[in-house]
């Protein structure tokens, strides 16, 4: 009787440990996720000195990690800023959800005309892309307009769009705050530091 009870306790402990290891496995794997790649031919043009000071702050390279469970790596290059638009390159590392329900490979996209808005004290870059793992994105070969072009998705829960917004404030010119919204309405945020 005592031996049976000991076996049951031991089996329960083993089962408990197996459950912990399985549930934490994606967290363990997250340390091995690939970082954002370096896109080819990045050219950062000095902003026109006649632009508002807030808009000029956007120019340059920014790096950080999205606030996802696996700290999704991000590099953001603002190559050129005009009065109303910006040319940007968004590079991202490997992304895997905790439940392994979504995977995104490291890649990058150049957005030709992201929208620039500014007011006294801050400037913001906004753009929309097709989902980064969709056929629409692959057809574009890394070159996107930054506008909603009516992309759709076979998945009825998603309309195939990603929305991005990045803001720099005059009071903290070396910090860029961003947000990402997927077609399913899920959101992530990021704080990036100016890299150069």
Protein backbone atom coordinates (compact mmCIF):
# COMPACT_ATOMS: atom_id res chain seq x y z
CA UNK A 1 0.00 0.00 0.00
CA UNK A 2 2.82 2.40 0.92
CA UNK A 3 4.69 1.42 -2.30
CA UNK A 4 1.59 2.16 -4.44
CA UNK A 5 1.18 5.56 -2.80
CA UNK A 6 4.87 6.36 -3.39
CA UNK A 7 4.52 5.41 -7.07
CA UNK A 8 1.47 7.64 -7.44
CA UNK A 9 3.24 10.58 -5.83
CA UNK A 10 6.31 10.03 -8.02
CA UNK A 11 4.14 9.75 -11.15
CA UNK A 12 2.33 12.96 -10.20
CA UNK A 13 5.62 14.81 -9.72
CA UNK A 14 6.95 13.55 -13.08
CA UNK A 15 3.72 14.56 -14.85
CA UNK A 16 3.85 18.00 -13.21
CA UNK A 17 7.45 18.52 -14.38
CA UNK A 18 6.61 17.37 -17.93
CA UNK A 19 3.73 19.87 -18.08
CA UNK A 20 6.00 22.70 -16.90
CA UNK A 21 8.68 21.84 -19.46
CA UNK A 22 6.17 21.59 -22.32
CA UNK A 23 4.38 24.85 -21.43
CA UNK A 24 7.66 26.74 -21.12
CA UNK A 25 9.28 25.24 -24.22
CA UNK A 26 8.40 28.22 -26.49
CA UNK A 27 9.92 30.56 -23.91
CA UNK A 28 13.13 28.55 -23.93
CA UNK A 29 13.17 28.59 -27.75
CA UNK A 30 12.63 32.35 -27.79
CA UNK A 31 16.24 32.92 -26.77
CA UNK A 32 17.36 31.36 -30.07
CA UNK A 33 15.17 33.41 -32.39
CA UNK A 34 17.01 35.06 -35.28
CA UNK A 35 17.48 38.86 -35.10
CA UNK A 36 16.40 41.39 -37.72
CA UNK A 37 18.56 41.09 -40.87
CA UNK A 38 20.58 43.94 -42.32
CA UNK A 39 18.74 44.99 -45.52
CA UNK A 40 20.89 45.71 -48.58
CA UNK A 41 21.66 49.27 -49.72
CA UNK A 42 20.41 51.37 -46.85
CA UNK A 43 20.87 55.06 -47.69
CA UNK A 44 19.98 57.61 -45.03
CA UNK A 45 19.73 61.07 -46.58
CA UNK A 46 20.21 64.10 -44.31
CA UNK A 47 16.83 65.80 -43.83
CA UNK A 48 16.18 69.13 -45.49
CA UNK A 49 17.00 71.84 -42.89
CA UNK A 50 13.82 73.71 -43.86
CA UNK A 51 11.66 70.85 -42.53
CA UNK A 52 10.09 71.31 -39.11
CA UNK A 53 12.55 70.29 -36.38
CA UNK A 54 10.17 67.53 -35.21
CA UNK A 55 10.18 65.88 -38.66
CA UNK A 56 13.98 66.03 -38.86
CA UNK A 57 14.21 63.98 -35.65
CA UNK A 58 12.77 60.94 -37.45
CA UNK A 59 15.80 60.44 -39.71
CA UNK A 60 18.26 57.61 -38.97
CA UNK A 61 18.40 54.05 -37.70
CA UNK A 62 16.31 52.89 -34.73
CA UNK A 63 16.44 49.54 -32.94
CA UNK A 64 14.43 47.79 -30.27
CA UNK A 65 12.15 44.85 -29.47
CA UNK A 66 8.38 44.63 -29.69
CA UNK A 67 6.62 43.84 -26.41
CA UNK A 68 5.63 40.36 -27.60
CA UNK A 69 6.16 37.30 -25.35
CA UNK A 70 9.34 36.52 -27.31
CA UNK A 71 10.72 40.08 -27.61
CA UNK A 72 10.37 40.38 -31.39
CA UNK A 73 13.52 42.11 -32.74
CA UNK A 74 13.12 45.22 -34.90
CA UNK A 75 15.35 47.59 -36.87
CA UNK A 76 13.76 50.67 -38.44
CA UNK A 77 15.59 52.89 -40.93
CA UNK A 78 14.16 56.28 -41.86
CA UNK A 79 16.06 56.82 -45.11
CA UNK A 80 14.40 60.03 -46.28
CA UNK A 81 11.94 62.49 -44.75
CA UNK A 82 9.90 65.02 -46.71
CA UNK A 83 7.20 67.39 -45.58
CA UNK A 84 4.42 64.78 -45.84
CA UNK A 85 6.10 61.44 -46.56
CA UNK A 86 9.07 59.30 -45.59
CA UNK A 87 10.93 56.40 -47.17
CA UNK A 88 11.52 53.79 -44.49
CA UNK A 89 12.89 50.26 -44.19
CA UNK A 90 11.40 47.98 -41.57
CA UNK A 91 13.46 44.88 -40.71
CA UNK A 92 12.24 42.26 -38.25
CA UNK A 93 13.63 39.17 -36.64
CA UNK A 94 12.06 35.76 -36.24
CA UNK A 95 8.77 35.82 -34.40
CA UNK A 96 7.01 32.89 -32.77
CA UNK A 97 3.96 33.07 -30.55
CA UNK A 98 4.06 31.32 -27.21
CA UNK A 99 1.54 28.74 -28.42
CA UNK A 100 3.33 28.26 -31.75
CA UNK A 101 0.19 29.45 -33.58
CA UNK A 102 2.00 32.08 -35.67
CA UNK A 103 5.50 32.23 -37.12
CA UNK A 104 7.22 35.04 -38.96
CA UNK A 105 10.65 34.57 -40.55
CA UNK A 106 13.32 37.30 -40.44
CA UNK A 107 12.85 39.69 -43.34
CA UNK A 108 12.55 43.35 -44.32
CA UNK A 109 10.40 45.73 -46.37
CA UNK A 110 11.06 49.14 -47.91
CA UNK A 111 8.06 51.46 -47.69
CA UNK A 112 8.27 54.15 -50.36
CA UNK A 113 5.72 56.67 -49.07
CA UNK A 114 4.93 56.37 -45.40
CA UNK A 115 2.76 59.23 -44.16
CA UNK A 116 4.46 61.86 -41.99
CA UNK A 117 2.48 64.08 -39.63
CA UNK A 118 3.86 66.47 -37.08
CA UNK A 119 2.69 68.95 -34.55
CA UNK A 120 4.55 71.10 -32.12
CA UNK A 121 6.64 68.74 -30.06
CA UNK A 122 6.35 65.45 -32.03
CA UNK A 123 6.42 63.78 -35.45
CA UNK A 124 4.81 60.49 -36.51
CA UNK A 125 5.31 58.02 -39.36
CA UNK A 126 2.33 55.82 -40.32
CA UNK A 127 2.06 53.09 -42.95
CA UNK A 128 0.12 49.97 -43.85
CA UNK A 129 1.51 46.73 -45.30
CA UNK A 130 0.13 43.40 -46.39
CA UNK A 131 0.71 40.57 -43.90
CA UNK A 132 4.42 39.74 -43.94
CA UNK A 133 3.84 36.02 -44.51
CA UNK A 134 1.26 36.43 -47.31
CA UNK A 135 1.56 35.99 -51.06
CA UNK A 136 0.78 39.72 -51.45
CA UNK A 137 3.97 40.58 -49.58
CA UNK A 138 6.09 38.09 -51.52
CA UNK A 139 4.83 39.49 -54.84
CA UNK A 140 5.99 42.98 -53.85
CA UNK A 141 9.62 41.79 -53.44
CA UNK A 142 10.31 43.98 -50.40
CA UNK A 143 9.02 47.18 -52.07
CA UNK A 144 5.75 48.53 -50.65
CA UNK A 145 3.80 51.76 -51.13
CA UNK A 146 2.82 52.10 -47.48
CA UNK A 147 -0.84 52.56 -48.35
CA UNK A 148 -3.78 50.20 -47.97
CA UNK A 149 -4.04 48.64 -51.41
CA UNK A 150 -7.05 46.45 -50.63
CA UNK A 151 -5.12 43.33 -49.70
CA UNK A 152 -7.30 40.48 -48.52
CA UNK A 153 -6.64 37.25 -46.72
CA UNK A 154 -7.99 33.73 -47.15
CA UNK A 155 -8.47 33.73 -43.39
CA UNK A 156 -11.87 35.31 -42.65
CA UNK A 157 -10.63 36.54 -39.27
CA UNK A 158 -8.00 38.74 -40.93
CA UNK A 159 -8.17 41.26 -43.75
CA UNK A 160 -4.46 40.81 -44.48
CA UNK A 161 -3.23 44.22 -43.28
CA UNK A 162 -0.61 45.34 -40.79
CA UNK A 163 -0.72 48.90 -39.50
CA UNK A 164 2.39 50.64 -38.11
CA UNK A 165 2.86 53.97 -36.36
CA UNK A 166 6.12 55.43 -35.00
CA UNK A 167 6.51 58.70 -33.07
CA UNK A 168 9.46 60.77 -31.87
CA UNK A 169 9.00 63.62 -29.42
CA UNK A 170 11.19 66.70 -29.25
CA UNK A 171 11.53 66.25 -25.49
CA UNK A 172 13.23 62.83 -25.99
CA UNK A 173 14.81 62.84 -29.49
CA UNK A 174 16.64 59.52 -29.04
CA UNK A 175 13.50 57.50 -28.31
CA UNK A 176 10.98 56.34 -30.92
CA UNK A 177 7.69 54.84 -29.72
CA UNK A 178 5.78 52.58 -32.05
CA UNK A 179 2.67 50.46 -32.36
CA UNK A 180 1.72 47.54 -34.57
CA UNK A 181 -1.83 46.35 -35.27
CA UNK A 182 -2.49 43.12 -37.14
CA UNK A 183 -5.52 42.44 -39.30
CA UNK A 184 -6.96 40.45 -36.40
CA UNK A 185 -6.83 43.53 -34.19
CA UNK A 186 -4.00 42.31 -31.94
CA UNK A 187 -1.57 45.04 -30.93
CA UNK A 188 2.06 45.33 -29.91
CA UNK A 189 4.11 48.35 -28.88
CA UNK A 190 7.80 49.16 -29.00
CA UNK A 191 10.35 51.65 -27.69
CA UNK A 192 13.38 52.03 -29.94
CA UNK A 193 16.64 53.86 -29.40
CA UNK A 194 18.41 55.80 -32.10
CA UNK A 195 21.35 53.69 -33.27
CA UNK A 196 23.23 56.35 -35.26
